[in-house]
Amino acid sequence: MTIAWSYSSLKTFQQCPRKYYHTKVAKDVKDSDTTATLYGKSVHTAAEEYIRDGVALPPQFGYLEPMLEQLKEIPGEKHCELRLGLTEDLEPCDFFADNVWWRGIADLVIIDKEKKLAYSVDYKTSKNARYADIKQLELVATAIFKYFPEVERIKSALMFVVSNEFVRAVHKPENIQLYLEKPKQDLTRLHAAFNNDVWNAMSGPLCRFCPVRQCEHNKS
């Protein structure tokens, strides 16, 4: 059984299998947008249009301009909101292909063919980089190496636009299996949940924000 997954869907399963079941499998509960997620989507759209089309930033996002200008000045072919898909054999495929195994969207990818170098940037709108997780960058880097086999090195960054912080990493193709080690462990647990149809709820501080109202841990 092939389960199509992404960084965010696997993270949902890690946090609470019950929430994963209702939002991803049964789909009887929708994880609605919050003020924070709507703001994040607006930032992503503004950044995409500014870099790709040269559209002026809305006044409320003017603070992004110095950071985005730095990215625009990097030489290379720029891809905004690049949809990436991989099969279980790590072959590139369409984002919605029947045999897609992993899906991810890269906010900005810059390919410098002359230097055999790529840049990968993920915009973050949380207040600071305190809980930064580079695992998402590793998965995107894995796909970039497969889509652009000429690339020998990737300079990746989580760009926290509010606090003007960058969490950087350098990725190499020889480390792909290392990047996939932890996700594959979590996928083994996910397969077990599907096979046994057991989706245990996990209690935590985020339960009161969870859309699964029927869960015994949801006190909202």
N, C-alpha and C. Protein backbone atom coordinates (compact mmCIF):
# COMPACT_ATOMS: atom_id res chain seq x y z
N MET A 1 0.85 -1.20 0.00
CA MET A 1 0.00 0.00 0.00
C MET A 1 0.88 1.24 0.00
N THR A 2 0.68 2.10 -1.00
CA THR A 2 1.43 3.35 -1.07
C THR A 2 0.61 4.48 -0.46
N ILE A 3 1.18 5.16 0.52
CA ILE A 3 0.51 6.28 1.16
C ILE A 3 1.20 7.57 0.72
N ALA A 4 0.46 8.43 0.05
CA ALA A 4 1.03 9.72 -0.34
C ALA A 4 1.12 10.60 0.90
N TRP A 5 2.29 11.17 1.11
CA TRP A 5 2.51 11.96 2.32
C TRP A 5 3.30 13.22 2.00
N SER A 6 3.27 14.14 2.95
CA SER A 6 4.05 15.37 2.85
C SER A 6 4.64 15.64 4.23
N TYR A 7 5.50 16.61 4.30
CA TYR A 7 6.07 16.99 5.60
C TYR A 7 4.96 17.34 6.59
N SER A 8 3.99 18.14 6.15
CA SER A 8 2.94 18.60 7.06
C SER A 8 1.99 17.47 7.46
N SER A 9 1.64 16.58 6.52
CA SER A 9 0.71 15.50 6.87
C SER A 9 1.37 14.51 7.84
N LEU A 10 2.66 14.23 7.63
CA LEU A 10 3.36 13.33 8.53
C LEU A 10 3.53 13.96 9.91
N LYS A 11 3.71 15.26 9.93
CA LYS A 11 3.82 15.97 11.21
C LYS A 11 2.49 15.89 11.96
N THR A 12 1.37 16.00 11.24
CA THR A 12 0.06 15.85 11.87
C THR A 12 -0.07 14.47 12.50
N PHE A 13 0.37 13.43 11.80
CA PHE A 13 0.31 12.07 12.35
C PHE A 13 1.18 11.95 13.59
N GLN A 14 2.38 12.56 13.56
CA GLN A 14 3.26 12.52 14.71
C GLN A 14 2.59 13.17 15.92
N GLN A 15 1.90 14.28 15.69
CA GLN A 15 1.27 15.01 16.78
C GLN A 15 0.07 14.25 17.35
N CYS A 16 -0.74 13.69 16.45
CA CYS A 16 -1.93 12.97 16.92
C CYS A 16 -2.51 12.11 15.79
N PRO A 17 -2.38 10.78 15.89
CA PRO A 17 -2.96 9.90 14.87
C PRO A 17 -4.47 10.09 14.71
N ARG A 18 -5.19 10.42 15.79
CA ARG A 18 -6.63 10.62 15.69
C ARG A 18 -6.96 11.82 14.79
N LYS A 19 -6.23 12.89 14.98
CA LYS A 19 -6.45 14.06 14.13
C LYS A 19 -6.12 13.73 12.68
N TYR A 20 -5.02 12.98 12.45
CA TYR A 20 -4.65 12.59 11.09
C TYR A 20 -5.80 11.80 10.46
N TYR A 21 -6.37 10.87 11.21
CA TYR A 21 -7.45 10.04 10.66
C TYR A 21 -8.63 10.89 10.21
N HIS A 22 -9.07 11.79 11.07
CA HIS A 22 -10.27 12.57 10.75
C HIS A 22 -10.03 13.59 9.63
N THR A 23 -8.82 14.17 9.56
CA THR A 23 -8.56 15.21 8.57
C THR A 23 -7.99 14.68 7.26
N LYS A 24 -7.33 13.50 7.29
CA LYS A 24 -6.65 12.99 6.10
C LYS A 24 -7.25 11.70 5.54
N VAL A 25 -7.88 10.90 6.39
CA VAL A 25 -8.39 9.60 5.95
C VAL A 25 -9.91 9.65 5.82
N ALA A 26 -10.61 9.80 6.92
CA ALA A 26 -12.07 9.89 6.86
C ALA A 26 -12.52 11.21 6.23
N LYS A 27 -11.72 12.24 6.44
CA LYS A 27 -12.00 13.58 5.91
C LYS A 27 -13.39 14.09 6.31
N ASP A 28 -13.77 13.74 7.55
CA ASP A 28 -15.04 14.23 8.06
C ASP A 28 -14.87 15.47 8.94
N VAL A 29 -13.62 15.92 9.05
CA VAL A 29 -13.30 17.13 9.79
C VAL A 29 -12.34 17.96 8.95
N LYS A 30 -12.60 19.25 8.86
CA LYS A 30 -11.73 20.14 8.10
C LYS A 30 -10.91 20.99 9.05
N ASP A 31 -9.62 21.05 8.78
CA ASP A 31 -8.73 21.88 9.59
C ASP A 31 -8.79 23.30 9.02
N SER A 32 -9.66 24.10 9.56
CA SER A 32 -9.94 25.42 9.00
C SER A 32 -8.77 26.39 9.19
N ASP A 33 -8.72 27.39 8.32
CA ASP A 33 -7.69 28.42 8.42
C ASP A 33 -7.90 29.25 9.67
N THR A 34 -6.78 29.68 10.25
CA THR A 34 -6.79 30.61 11.37
C THR A 34 -6.28 31.96 10.86
N THR A 35 -6.30 32.95 11.73
CA THR A 35 -5.74 34.25 11.36
C THR A 35 -4.28 34.10 10.96
N ALA A 36 -3.54 33.26 11.69
CA ALA A 36 -2.11 33.06 11.41
C ALA A 36 -1.88 32.38 10.06
N THR A 37 -2.68 31.33 9.76
CA THR A 37 -2.47 30.63 8.49
C THR A 37 -2.89 31.50 7.30
N LEU A 38 -3.95 32.29 7.47
CA LEU A 38 -4.35 33.21 6.40
C LEU A 38 -3.28 34.26 6.14
N TYR A 39 -2.67 34.75 7.21
CA TYR A 39 -1.59 35.72 7.07
C TYR A 39 -0.42 35.07 6.33
N GLY A 40 -0.09 33.85 6.69
CA GLY A 40 1.01 33.15 6.03
C GLY A 40 0.75 32.97 4.54
N LYS A 41 -0.48 32.62 4.17
CA LYS A 41 -0.81 32.46 2.75
C LYS A 41 -0.67 33.77 2.00
N SER A 42 -1.07 34.87 2.64
CA SER A 42 -0.95 36.18 2.00
C SER A 42 0.50 36.56 1.77
N VAL A 43 1.35 36.27 2.76
CA VAL A 43 2.79 36.55 2.61
C VAL A 43 3.38 35.74 1.46
N HIS A 44 3.02 34.46 1.38
CA HIS A 44 3.54 33.61 0.31
C HIS A 44 3.12 34.13 -1.07
N THR A 45 1.86 34.54 -1.18
CA THR A 45 1.37 35.06 -2.46
C THR A 45 2.10 36.35 -2.84
N ALA A 46 2.27 37.25 -1.88
CA ALA A 46 2.95 38.52 -2.14
C ALA A 46 4.39 38.29 -2.57
N ALA A 47 5.08 37.37 -1.88
CA ALA A 47 6.47 37.08 -2.22
C ALA A 47 6.59 36.45 -3.60
N GLU A 48 5.68 35.52 -3.90
CA GLU A 48 5.69 34.85 -5.20
C GLU A 48 5.50 35.86 -6.33
N GLU A 49 4.52 36.72 -6.20
CA GLU A 49 4.23 37.68 -7.26
C GLU A 49 5.33 38.73 -7.38
N TYR A 50 5.96 39.08 -6.27
CA TYR A 50 7.04 40.07 -6.31
C TYR A 50 8.26 39.51 -7.05
N ILE A 51 8.64 38.28 -6.74
CA ILE A 51 9.84 37.69 -7.35
C ILE A 51 9.57 37.22 -8.77
N ARG A 52 8.44 36.58 -8.99
CA ARG A 52 8.16 36.00 -10.31
C ARG A 52 7.70 37.04 -11.32
N ASP A 53 6.82 37.95 -10.89
CA ASP A 53 6.18 38.87 -11.83
C ASP A 53 6.57 40.33 -11.65
N GLY A 54 7.30 40.62 -10.58
CA GLY A 54 7.67 42.01 -10.33
C GLY A 54 6.52 42.86 -9.82
N VAL A 55 5.49 42.22 -9.27
CA VAL A 55 4.35 42.96 -8.73
C VAL A 55 4.76 43.63 -7.42
N ALA A 56 4.40 44.90 -7.27
CA ALA A 56 4.76 45.63 -6.06
C ALA A 56 4.11 44.98 -4.84
N LEU A 57 4.82 45.00 -3.73
CA LEU A 57 4.29 44.45 -2.50
C LEU A 57 3.16 45.32 -1.94
N PRO A 58 2.10 44.71 -1.43
CA PRO A 58 1.08 45.51 -0.74
C PRO A 58 1.72 46.25 0.43
N PRO A 59 1.21 47.43 0.79
CA PRO A 59 1.82 48.24 1.85
C PRO A 59 2.10 47.48 3.14
N GLN A 60 1.19 46.56 3.52
CA GLN A 60 1.36 45.85 4.78
C GLN A 60 2.53 44.86 4.74
N PHE A 61 3.02 44.56 3.54
CA PHE A 61 4.13 43.63 3.41
C PHE A 61 5.41 44.32 2.93
N GLY A 62 5.43 45.65 3.03
CA GLY A 62 6.60 46.39 2.59
C GLY A 62 7.87 45.99 3.30
N TYR A 63 7.73 45.51 4.54
CA TYR A 63 8.92 45.10 5.31
C TYR A 63 9.65 43.91 4.68
N LEU A 64 8.97 43.20 3.77
CA LEU A 64 9.59 42.04 3.11
C LEU A 64 10.59 42.43 2.02
N GLU A 65 10.48 43.65 1.52
CA GLU A 65 11.23 44.03 0.32
C GLU A 65 12.74 43.84 0.44
N PRO A 66 13.41 44.27 1.52
CA PRO A 66 14.87 44.06 1.59
C PRO A 66 15.27 42.59 1.48
N MET A 67 14.51 41.70 2.13
CA MET A 67 14.83 40.28 2.09
C MET A 67 14.57 39.70 0.70
N LEU A 68 13.46 40.08 0.10
CA LEU A 68 13.12 39.56 -1.22
C LEU A 68 14.06 40.09 -2.29
N GLU A 69 14.54 41.32 -2.12
CA GLU A 69 15.50 41.87 -3.07
C GLU A 69 16.80 41.07 -3.04
N GLN A 70 17.21 40.65 -1.87
CA GLN A 70 18.41 39.81 -1.77
C GLN A 70 18.25 38.52 -2.56
N LEU A 71 17.05 37.96 -2.48
CA LEU A 71 16.79 36.71 -3.21
C LEU A 71 16.73 36.96 -4.72
N LYS A 72 16.14 38.08 -5.13
CA LYS A 72 16.06 38.39 -6.55
C LYS A 72 17.43 38.57 -7.18
N GLU A 73 18.38 39.04 -6.39
CA GLU A 73 19.72 39.32 -6.91
C GLU A 73 20.56 38.05 -7.07
N ILE A 74 20.13 36.96 -6.51
CA ILE A 74 20.88 35.71 -6.67
C ILE A 74 20.75 35.24 -8.12
N PRO A 75 21.86 35.00 -8.80
CA PRO A 75 21.78 34.57 -10.21
C PRO A 75 21.23 33.16 -10.33
N GLY A 76 20.48 32.94 -11.39
CA GLY A 76 19.96 31.61 -11.66
C GLY A 76 18.50 31.62 -12.07
N GLU A 77 18.02 30.46 -12.47
CA GLU A 77 16.64 30.27 -12.91
C GLU A 77 15.75 30.15 -11.68
N LYS A 78 14.75 31.01 -11.57
CA LYS A 78 13.93 31.06 -10.36
C LYS A 78 12.60 30.35 -10.56
N HIS A 79 12.25 29.51 -9.59
CA HIS A 79 10.99 28.78 -9.59
C HIS A 79 10.25 29.12 -8.31
N CYS A 80 9.07 29.72 -8.43
CA CYS A 80 8.27 30.10 -7.26
C CYS A 80 7.14 29.10 -7.05
N GLU A 81 6.92 28.75 -5.79
CA GLU A 81 5.87 27.80 -5.42
C GLU A 81 5.94 26.56 -6.31
N LEU A 82 7.12 25.95 -6.33
CA LEU A 82 7.39 24.80 -7.20
C LEU A 82 6.81 23.53 -6.60
N ARG A 83 5.87 22.92 -7.32
CA ARG A 83 5.27 21.67 -6.86
C ARG A 83 6.16 20.49 -7.23
N LEU A 84 6.46 19.67 -6.25
CA LEU A 84 7.38 18.55 -6.44
C LEU A 84 6.71 17.25 -6.01
N GLY A 85 6.95 16.19 -6.75
CA GLY A 85 6.43 14.88 -6.39
C GLY A 85 7.49 13.82 -6.62
N LEU A 86 7.53 12.82 -5.76
CA LEU A 86 8.46 11.70 -5.90
C LEU A 86 7.71 10.38 -5.74
N THR A 87 8.11 9.37 -6.51
CA THR A 87 7.59 8.03 -6.31
C THR A 87 8.36 7.38 -5.16
N GLU A 88 7.94 6.20 -4.75
CA GLU A 88 8.63 5.51 -3.66
C GLU A 88 10.06 5.15 -4.04
N ASP A 89 10.32 5.04 -5.36
CA ASP A 89 11.68 4.79 -5.85
C ASP A 89 12.47 6.07 -6.02
N LEU A 90 11.90 7.17 -5.55
CA LEU A 90 12.54 8.49 -5.62
C LEU A 90 12.72 9.00 -7.05
N GLU A 91 11.77 8.64 -7.89
CA GLU A 91 11.75 9.17 -9.25
C GLU A 91 10.82 10.38 -9.29
N PRO A 92 11.20 11.44 -10.01
CA PRO A 92 10.31 12.60 -10.11
C PRO A 92 9.00 12.23 -10.79
N CYS A 93 7.90 12.78 -10.30
CA CYS A 93 6.60 12.50 -10.91
C CYS A 93 5.71 13.73 -10.72
N ASP A 94 4.58 13.70 -11.38
CA ASP A 94 3.63 14.80 -11.25
C ASP A 94 3.10 14.86 -9.81
N PHE A 95 2.81 16.07 -9.38
CA PHE A 95 2.33 16.31 -8.02
C PHE A 95 1.10 15.47 -7.69
N PHE A 96 0.23 15.25 -8.70
CA PHE A 96 -1.00 14.50 -8.49
C PHE A 96 -0.97 13.13 -9.17
N ALA A 97 0.20 12.62 -9.48
CA ALA A 97 0.31 11.32 -10.14
C ALA A 97 -0.27 10.21 -9.28
N ASP A 98 -0.79 9.17 -9.92
CA ASP A 98 -1.38 8.05 -9.18
C ASP A 98 -0.35 7.35 -8.29
N ASN A 99 0.92 7.36 -8.72
CA ASN A 99 1.95 6.66 -7.96
C ASN A 99 2.81 7.61 -7.12
N VAL A 100 2.32 8.83 -6.88
CA VAL A 100 3.10 9.76 -6.08
C VAL A 100 3.22 9.22 -4.66
N TRP A 101 4.40 9.33 -4.10
CA TRP A 101 4.69 8.84 -2.74
C TRP A 101 4.86 10.03 -1.77
N TRP A 102 5.64 11.02 -2.20
CA TRP A 102 5.87 12.22 -1.40
C TRP A 102 5.51 13.45 -2.22
N ARG A 103 4.91 14.44 -1.55
CA ARG A 103 4.59 15.71 -2.19
C ARG A 103 5.17 16.85 -1.35
N GLY A 104 5.62 17.89 -2.05
CA GLY A 104 6.08 19.08 -1.36
C GLY A 104 6.03 20.28 -2.28
N ILE A 105 5.89 21.45 -1.70
CA ILE A 105 5.90 22.69 -2.47
C ILE A 105 7.05 23.55 -1.96
N ALA A 106 7.98 23.88 -2.84
CA ALA A 106 9.11 24.73 -2.48
C ALA A 106 8.73 26.18 -2.74
N ASP A 107 8.84 27.03 -1.73
CA ASP A 107 8.46 28.43 -1.89
C ASP A 107 9.29 29.12 -2.96
N LEU A 108 10.60 28.89 -2.94
CA LEU A 108 11.48 29.48 -3.95
C LEU A 108 12.67 28.56 -4.17
N VAL A 109 12.90 28.22 -5.42
CA VAL A 109 14.09 27.44 -5.81
C VAL A 109 14.82 28.21 -6.90
N ILE A 110 16.12 28.38 -6.72
CA ILE A 110 16.95 29.06 -7.72
C ILE A 110 18.01 28.07 -8.18
N ILE A 111 18.08 27.85 -9.49
CA ILE A 111 19.03 26.91 -10.06
C ILE A 111 20.13 27.67 -10.81
N ASP A 112 21.34 27.57 -10.30
CA ASP A 112 22.50 28.16 -10.97
C ASP A 112 23.23 27.03 -11.69
N LYS A 113 22.89 26.83 -12.96
CA LYS A 113 23.42 25.70 -13.72
C LYS A 113 24.93 25.78 -13.88
N GLU A 114 25.44 26.99 -14.02
CA GLU A 114 26.88 27.16 -14.22
C GLU A 114 27.67 26.65 -13.03
N LYS A 115 27.18 26.92 -11.82
CA LYS A 115 27.88 26.49 -10.61
C LYS A 115 27.38 25.14 -10.09
N LYS A 116 26.38 24.55 -10.78
CA LYS A 116 25.77 23.29 -10.34
C LYS A 116 25.28 23.42 -8.90
N LEU A 117 24.68 24.57 -8.64
CA LEU A 117 24.26 24.94 -7.30
C LEU A 117 22.79 25.35 -7.31
N ALA A 118 22.08 25.01 -6.24
CA ALA A 118 20.69 25.43 -6.09
C ALA A 118 20.50 26.12 -4.75
N TYR A 119 19.53 27.02 -4.71
CA TYR A 119 19.11 27.67 -3.48
C TYR A 119 17.66 27.30 -3.23
N SER A 120 17.34 26.97 -2.00
CA SER A 120 15.96 26.61 -1.64
C SER A 120 15.56 27.43 -0.42
N VAL A 121 14.46 28.18 -0.56
CA VAL A 121 14.03 29.07 0.52
C VAL A 121 12.58 28.76 0.88
N ASP A 122 12.34 28.65 2.19
CA ASP A 122 10.99 28.45 2.70
C ASP A 122 10.63 29.62 3.60
N TYR A 123 9.57 30.33 3.25
CA TYR A 123 9.15 31.49 4.03
C TYR A 123 8.38 31.04 5.28
N LYS A 124 8.73 31.61 6.42
CA LYS A 124 8.05 31.31 7.67
C LYS A 124 7.52 32.61 8.28
N THR A 125 6.27 32.57 8.76
CA THR A 125 5.66 33.79 9.30
C THR A 125 5.46 33.72 10.81
N SER A 126 6.00 32.68 11.46
CA SER A 126 5.95 32.65 12.92
C SER A 126 6.84 33.74 13.49
N LYS A 127 6.68 34.05 14.77
CA LYS A 127 7.32 35.22 15.36
C LYS A 127 8.84 35.14 15.38
N ASN A 128 9.39 33.93 15.53
CA ASN A 128 10.84 33.77 15.57
C ASN A 128 11.22 32.35 15.17
N ALA A 129 12.52 32.08 15.18
CA ALA A 129 13.03 30.79 14.71
C ALA A 129 13.24 29.80 15.85
N ARG A 130 12.61 30.04 16.97
CA ARG A 130 12.86 29.22 18.16
C ARG A 130 12.60 27.74 17.92
N TYR A 131 11.53 27.43 17.20
CA TYR A 131 11.17 26.03 16.97
C TYR A 131 11.44 25.60 15.52
N ALA A 132 12.45 26.17 14.93
CA ALA A 132 12.77 25.87 13.53
C ALA A 132 13.08 24.39 13.35
N ASP A 133 12.57 23.82 12.28
CA ASP A 133 12.77 22.41 11.95
C ASP A 133 13.24 22.31 10.51
N ILE A 134 14.50 21.89 10.33
CA ILE A 134 15.05 21.84 8.97
C ILE A 134 14.68 20.57 8.22
N LYS A 135 13.92 19.67 8.86
CA LYS A 135 13.55 18.43 8.18
C LYS A 135 12.81 18.71 6.87
N GLN A 136 11.97 19.74 6.88
CA GLN A 136 11.26 20.11 5.66
C GLN A 136 12.23 20.47 4.55
N LEU A 137 13.30 21.18 4.90
CA LEU A 137 14.32 21.55 3.91
C LEU A 137 15.01 20.32 3.34
N GLU A 138 15.23 19.32 4.19
CA GLU A 138 15.89 18.09 3.72
C GLU A 138 15.04 17.35 2.70
N LEU A 139 13.74 17.31 2.93
CA LEU A 139 12.85 16.61 2.00
C LEU A 139 12.77 17.35 0.67
N VAL A 140 12.67 18.67 0.72
CA VAL A 140 12.64 19.46 -0.51
C VAL A 140 13.96 19.31 -1.26
N ALA A 141 15.07 19.30 -0.52
CA ALA A 141 16.38 19.13 -1.16
C ALA A 141 16.46 17.78 -1.88
N THR A 142 15.93 16.75 -1.26
CA THR A 142 15.91 15.42 -1.89
C THR A 142 15.23 15.49 -3.25
N ALA A 143 14.08 16.15 -3.31
CA ALA A 143 13.35 16.26 -4.57
C ALA A 143 14.10 17.12 -5.58
N ILE A 144 14.71 18.20 -5.13
CA ILE A 144 15.45 19.07 -6.05
C ILE A 144 16.58 18.29 -6.72
N PHE A 145 17.28 17.47 -5.96
CA PHE A 145 18.36 16.67 -6.55
C PHE A 145 17.82 15.72 -7.62
N LYS A 146 16.60 15.23 -7.43
CA LYS A 146 16.02 14.30 -8.40
C LYS A 146 15.49 15.03 -9.64
N TYR A 147 14.92 16.21 -9.43
CA TYR A 147 14.37 17.00 -10.55
C TYR A 147 15.47 17.68 -11.35
N PHE A 148 16.55 18.06 -10.68
CA PHE A 148 17.66 18.76 -11.33
C PHE A 148 18.95 18.00 -11.05
N PRO A 149 19.16 16.88 -11.74
CA PRO A 149 20.31 16.00 -11.44
C PRO A 149 21.67 16.66 -11.64
N GLU A 150 21.69 17.80 -12.33
CA GLU A 150 22.97 18.49 -12.51
C GLU A 150 23.42 19.21 -11.24
N VAL A 151 22.50 19.40 -10.31
CA VAL A 151 22.82 20.12 -9.07
C VAL A 151 23.64 19.23 -8.14
N GLU A 152 24.74 19.77 -7.64
CA GLU A 152 25.64 19.02 -6.76
C GLU A 152 25.59 19.51 -5.32
N ARG A 153 24.96 20.66 -5.10
CA ARG A 153 24.89 21.20 -3.74
C ARG A 153 23.72 22.16 -3.65
N ILE A 154 23.05 22.16 -2.51
CA ILE A 154 21.91 23.06 -2.30
C ILE A 154 22.14 23.87 -1.03
N LYS A 155 21.99 25.18 -1.17
CA LYS A 155 22.00 26.05 0.00
C LYS A 155 20.54 26.34 0.35
N SER A 156 20.11 25.82 1.49
CA SER A 156 18.72 25.94 1.90
C SER A 156 18.58 26.89 3.07
N ALA A 157 17.38 27.46 3.21
CA ALA A 157 17.14 28.35 4.34
C ALA A 157 15.67 28.43 4.68
N LEU A 158 15.40 28.45 5.97
CA LEU A 158 14.08 28.86 6.48
C LEU A 158 14.19 30.36 6.72
N MET A 159 13.37 31.15 6.06
CA MET A 159 13.43 32.60 6.18
C MET A 159 12.27 33.08 7.03
N PHE A 160 12.56 33.46 8.27
CA PHE A 160 11.55 33.96 9.18
C PHE A 160 11.37 35.45 8.92
N VAL A 161 10.30 35.77 8.21
CA VAL A 161 10.14 37.13 7.67
C VAL A 161 9.83 38.17 8.74
N VAL A 162 9.19 37.76 9.84
CA VAL A 162 8.83 38.72 10.89
C VAL A 162 10.04 39.12 11.71
N SER A 163 10.85 38.13 12.11
CA SER A 163 12.02 38.40 12.95
C SER A 163 13.30 38.61 12.14
N ASN A 164 13.20 38.48 10.80
CA ASN A 164 14.36 38.65 9.92
C ASN A 164 15.49 37.70 10.32
N GLU A 165 15.13 36.44 10.54
CA GLU A 165 16.11 35.41 10.88
C GLU A 165 16.19 34.38 9.75
N PHE A 166 17.37 33.82 9.58
CA PHE A 166 17.57 32.76 8.60
C PHE A 166 18.14 31.53 9.32
N VAL A 167 17.53 30.38 9.09
CA VAL A 167 18.09 29.12 9.56
C VAL A 167 18.59 28.39 8.32
N ARG A 168 19.90 28.25 8.23
CA ARG A 168 20.51 27.77 6.99
C ARG A 168 20.99 26.33 7.11
N ALA A 169 21.08 25.69 5.95
CA ALA A 169 21.61 24.33 5.88
C ALA A 169 22.18 24.12 4.48
N VAL A 170 23.13 23.22 4.37
CA VAL A 170 23.71 22.85 3.08
C VAL A 170 23.42 21.36 2.86
N HIS A 171 22.91 21.04 1.68
CA HIS A 171 22.54 19.66 1.39
C HIS A 171 23.34 19.11 0.21
N LYS A 172 23.66 17.82 0.30
CA LYS A 172 24.41 17.12 -0.75
C LYS A 172 23.68 15.84 -1.13
N PRO A 173 23.75 15.43 -2.39
CA PRO A 173 22.98 14.26 -2.84
C PRO A 173 23.37 12.96 -2.15
N GLU A 174 24.62 12.86 -1.70
CA GLU A 174 25.04 11.62 -1.04
C GLU A 174 24.38 11.42 0.32
N ASN A 175 23.68 12.44 0.81
CA ASN A 175 23.04 12.33 2.12
C ASN A 175 21.53 12.06 2.03
N ILE A 176 21.04 11.77 0.85
CA ILE A 176 19.59 11.60 0.67
C ILE A 176 19.01 10.55 1.60
N GLN A 177 19.66 9.40 1.70
CA GLN A 177 19.13 8.34 2.56
C GLN A 177 19.09 8.77 4.02
N LEU A 178 20.04 9.58 4.42
CA LEU A 178 20.04 10.11 5.78
C LEU A 178 18.84 11.04 5.99
N TYR A 179 18.54 11.86 4.97
CA TYR A 179 17.41 12.78 5.07
C TYR A 179 16.08 12.03 5.22
N LEU A 180 16.01 10.82 4.65
CA LEU A 180 14.76 10.07 4.64
C LEU A 180 14.64 9.10 5.82
N GLU A 181 15.67 8.98 6.60
CA GLU A 181 15.70 7.97 7.67
C GLU A 181 14.56 8.17 8.68
N LYS A 182 14.45 9.36 9.26
CA LYS A 182 13.40 9.61 10.25
C LYS A 182 12.00 9.56 9.63
N PRO A 183 11.75 10.20 8.47
CA PRO A 183 10.42 10.09 7.88
C PRO A 183 10.00 8.64 7.61
N LYS A 184 10.93 7.80 7.20
CA LYS A 184 10.58 6.40 6.93
C LYS A 184 10.19 5.68 8.21
N GLN A 185 10.81 6.03 9.33
CA GLN A 185 10.41 5.44 10.61
C GLN A 185 8.97 5.83 10.95
N ASP A 186 8.64 7.10 10.74
CA ASP A 186 7.27 7.55 11.00
C ASP A 186 6.28 6.93 10.02
N LEU A 187 6.71 6.71 8.79
CA LEU A 187 5.84 6.08 7.80
C LEU A 187 5.54 4.63 8.17
N THR A 188 6.50 3.96 8.80
CA THR A 188 6.25 2.59 9.28
C THR A 188 5.12 2.58 10.29
N ARG A 189 5.11 3.56 11.20
CA ARG A 189 4.04 3.69 12.18
C ARG A 189 2.71 4.03 11.49
N LEU A 190 2.78 4.88 10.46
CA LEU A 190 1.57 5.26 9.73
C LEU A 190 0.97 4.06 9.02
N HIS A 191 1.81 3.24 8.40
CA HIS A 191 1.33 2.03 7.73
C HIS A 191 0.67 1.09 8.74
N ALA A 192 1.27 0.99 9.93
CA ALA A 192 0.69 0.13 10.97
C ALA A 192 -0.69 0.63 11.39
N ALA A 193 -0.84 1.95 11.48
CA ALA A 193 -2.14 2.52 11.83
C ALA A 193 -3.18 2.18 10.78
N PHE A 194 -2.81 2.27 9.49
CA PHE A 194 -3.72 1.92 8.41
C PHE A 194 -4.07 0.44 8.46
N ASN A 195 -3.05 -0.40 8.60
CA ASN A 195 -3.27 -1.85 8.56
C ASN A 195 -4.13 -2.35 9.71
N ASN A 196 -3.96 -1.73 10.88
CA ASN A 196 -4.70 -2.16 12.07
C ASN A 196 -5.94 -1.31 12.33
N ASP A 197 -6.10 -0.25 11.56
CA ASP A 197 -7.19 0.70 11.74
C ASP A 197 -7.27 1.17 13.20
N VAL A 198 -6.10 1.53 13.73
CA VAL A 198 -6.00 2.04 15.09
C VAL A 198 -5.41 3.44 15.03
N TRP A 199 -6.16 4.41 15.52
CA TRP A 199 -5.77 5.81 15.45
C TRP A 199 -5.89 6.43 16.85
N ASN A 200 -4.89 6.18 17.66
CA ASN A 200 -4.95 6.63 19.04
C ASN A 200 -4.84 8.15 19.15
N ALA A 201 -5.64 8.71 20.05
CA ALA A 201 -5.57 10.15 20.30
C ALA A 201 -4.41 10.44 21.26
N MET A 202 -3.76 11.56 21.04
CA MET A 202 -2.67 11.98 21.91
C MET A 202 -3.01 13.33 22.53
N SER A 203 -2.90 13.40 23.84
CA SER A 203 -3.22 14.63 24.56
C SER A 203 -2.03 15.57 24.57
N GLY A 204 -2.29 16.86 24.38
CA GLY A 204 -1.22 17.84 24.39
C GLY A 204 -1.77 19.26 24.49
N PRO A 205 -0.88 20.23 24.57
CA PRO A 205 -1.31 21.63 24.74
C PRO A 205 -2.08 22.18 23.55
N LEU A 206 -1.97 21.54 22.38
CA LEU A 206 -2.67 22.04 21.20
C LEU A 206 -4.07 21.46 21.05
N CYS A 207 -4.47 20.58 21.97
CA CYS A 207 -5.76 19.92 21.83
C CYS A 207 -6.92 20.92 21.77
N ARG A 208 -6.81 22.00 22.53
CA ARG A 208 -7.93 22.95 22.56
C ARG A 208 -8.11 23.71 21.24
N PHE A 209 -7.10 23.63 20.36
CA PHE A 209 -7.20 24.26 19.04
C PHE A 209 -7.59 23.26 17.95
N CYS A 210 -7.69 22.00 18.32
CA CYS A 210 -7.91 20.94 17.34
C CYS A 210 -9.34 20.97 16.81
N PRO A 211 -9.54 20.76 15.50
CA PRO A 211 -10.89 20.77 14.94
C PRO A 211 -11.67 19.48 15.20
N VAL A 212 -11.00 18.45 15.73
CA VAL A 212 -11.69 17.17 16.01
C VAL A 212 -12.43 17.31 17.34
N ARG A 213 -13.63 17.87 17.29
CA ARG A 213 -14.38 18.17 18.51
C ARG A 213 -14.84 16.93 19.25
N GLN A 214 -14.99 15.81 18.53
CA GLN A 214 -15.51 14.60 19.18
C GLN A 214 -14.45 13.87 19.99
N CYS A 215 -13.21 14.33 19.96
CA CYS A 215 -12.13 13.67 20.71
C CYS A 215 -12.27 13.97 22.19
N GLU A 216 -11.97 12.97 23.02
CA GLU A 216 -12.10 13.13 24.46
C GLU A 216 -11.12 14.12 25.06
N HIS A 217 -10.06 14.44 24.31
CA HIS A 217 -9.06 15.38 24.82
C HIS A 217 -9.35 16.83 24.43
N ASN A 218 -10.35 17.01 23.58
CA ASN A 218 -10.67 18.37 23.12
C ASN A 218 -11.59 19.04 24.12
N LYS A 219 -11.05 20.03 24.82
CA LYS A 219 -11.80 20.70 25.88
C LYS A 219 -12.35 22.06 25.45
N SER A 220 -12.27 22.36 24.16
CA SER A 220 -12.70 23.67 23.69
C SER A 220 -14.21 23.82 23.82
